[in-house]
Protein backbone atom coordinates (compact mmCIF):
# COMPACT_ATOMS: atom_id res chain seq x y z
CA MET A 1 39.84 45.25 196.37
CA ASN A 2 39.83 49.04 196.46
CA TYR A 3 42.99 50.68 197.74
CA PRO A 4 43.50 54.41 198.41
CA ILE A 5 46.49 54.72 196.03
CA GLU A 6 47.04 53.08 192.64
CA LEU A 7 50.25 51.12 192.02
CA GLN A 8 51.06 53.10 188.86
CA ALA A 9 50.75 56.37 190.79
CA ILE A 10 53.12 55.07 193.46
CA THR A 11 55.66 53.97 190.86
CA SER A 12 55.46 57.36 189.13
CA TRP A 13 55.91 59.16 192.45
CA LEU A 14 59.00 57.10 193.29
CA VAL A 15 60.58 57.67 189.86
CA SER A 16 59.84 61.40 190.04
CA ARG A 17 61.90 61.66 193.25
CA ALA A 18 65.06 61.38 191.13
CA ASP A 19 64.47 64.95 189.91
CA SER A 20 65.06 66.34 193.42
CA LEU A 21 68.38 64.54 193.89
CA ALA A 22 70.59 66.75 191.70
CA GLY A 23 73.55 68.00 193.69
CA THR A 24 72.87 65.82 196.74
CA GLY A 25 75.28 62.97 196.00
CA ILE A 26 72.33 60.58 196.14
CA THR A 27 71.12 58.53 193.19
CA LEU A 28 67.99 56.54 192.53
CA ALA A 29 69.47 53.11 191.79
CA GLU A 30 66.40 51.01 190.99
CA THR A 31 62.64 50.81 191.22
CA ALA A 32 60.46 47.72 191.14
CA ALA A 33 56.81 46.86 191.66
CA ARG A 34 54.76 43.79 192.40
CA SER A 35 51.05 43.24 191.96
CA GLU A 36 50.68 40.04 194.02
CA TYR A 37 49.24 39.91 197.53
CA VAL A 38 49.11 43.60 198.51
CA PRO A 39 50.51 45.52 195.51
CA ALA A 40 53.59 47.60 196.31
CA ALA A 41 56.54 49.40 194.78
CA ARG A 42 60.02 50.11 196.06
CA ALA A 43 62.88 52.41 195.23
CA ASP A 44 66.52 51.89 196.16
CA PHE A 45 68.85 54.84 196.66
CA ASN A 46 72.66 55.06 196.93
CA SER A 47 75.15 57.56 198.25
CA ASP A 48 78.86 57.21 198.99
CA SER A 49 78.32 56.00 202.55
CA ARG A 50 74.66 54.95 202.73
CA VAL A 51 71.98 52.88 201.06
CA GLY A 52 68.28 53.52 201.36
CA ARG A 53 64.94 52.06 200.40
CA ILE A 54 61.40 53.32 200.24
CA ASN A 55 58.71 50.63 200.29
CA PHE A 56 55.26 51.92 199.35
CA TRP A 57 52.07 49.83 199.45
CA VAL A 58 48.76 50.66 197.77
CA THR A 59 47.21 50.63 201.25
CA GLY A 60 49.04 53.90 201.94
CA GLU A 61 51.73 52.38 204.17
CA VAL A 62 55.21 53.74 203.41
CA ASP A 63 58.50 52.68 204.99
CA PHE A 64 61.67 54.76 204.66
CA GLU A 65 64.95 53.13 205.69
CA VAL A 66 68.62 54.16 205.53
CA LEU A 67 71.56 51.88 206.33
CA ASP A 68 75.27 52.55 206.72
CA ARG A 69 77.01 51.09 203.68
CA ALA A 70 80.09 49.98 205.66
CA ASP A 71 78.50 48.03 208.50
CA GLY A 72 74.80 47.76 207.67
CA ALA A 73 73.77 49.66 210.79
CA SER A 74 70.30 51.15 210.69
CA LEU A 75 70.60 54.96 210.60
CA PHE A 76 67.01 55.96 209.88
CA PHE A 77 63.59 54.33 209.81
CA ARG A 78 60.22 55.96 209.45
CA ASN A 79 56.76 54.57 208.73
CA GLU A 80 53.87 56.68 207.50
CA THR A 81 50.30 55.87 206.56
CA ILE A 82 48.87 58.25 203.99
CA GLU A 83 45.64 58.54 202.03
CA ALA A 84 46.98 60.49 199.03
CA LEU A 85 50.29 61.24 197.34
CA HIS A 86 49.99 64.95 198.15
CA ALA A 87 49.95 64.27 201.92
CA ARG A 88 52.19 66.65 203.86
CA GLN A 89 53.60 63.87 206.02
CA LEU A 90 54.79 62.03 202.89
CA ASP A 91 56.80 65.07 201.78
CA GLU A 92 58.19 65.52 205.30
CA ALA A 93 59.19 61.86 205.57
CA TYR A 94 60.85 61.94 202.15
CA ALA A 95 62.81 65.08 203.09
CA ALA A 96 63.99 63.45 206.34
CA PHE A 97 64.96 60.31 204.37
CA ILE A 98 67.09 62.35 201.96
CA VAL A 99 68.82 64.17 204.82
CA ALA A 100 69.59 60.79 206.43
CA MET A 101 70.89 59.47 203.09
CA ALA A 102 73.22 62.44 202.68
CA GLY A 103 74.67 62.36 206.18
CA GLU A 104 75.83 65.29 208.24
CA LYS A 105 78.21 66.81 205.67
CA SER A 106 75.54 67.41 203.05
CA ARG A 107 72.54 68.23 205.24
CA GLY A 108 72.29 71.89 204.13
CA GLU A 109 72.79 71.04 200.45
CA CYS A 110 70.00 68.45 200.56
CA GLN A 111 67.59 70.77 202.32
CA ASN A 112 68.30 73.50 199.75
CA SER A 113 67.87 71.07 196.85
CA LEU A 114 64.58 69.73 198.20
CA ALA A 115 63.25 73.23 198.86
CA SER A 116 63.84 74.23 195.25
CA SER A 117 62.14 71.15 193.74
């Protein structure tokens, strides 16, 4: 079946996000991919108080989720459907995800870090 985005490109995009995390207090903890059913990749992120995950399917569906580390409460969720990795809404969703991961204290630092990457 033909999908709009290749699994290897998704995995590379997820791994490349680590470059923009310097100085944010957020780390890329793990990435994984699967080729069964509808191929997809995921990336897990950690900060002192939050955990996050990006799930990205070759169909162009992308889920961004952030949970509170202490109680598991959902703090952020966003779904996007894109046709290419250079889609503006993908960059906007990722930036919002990083701000949610950092929390209120680091909001300005994250926005500055993302703007310079």
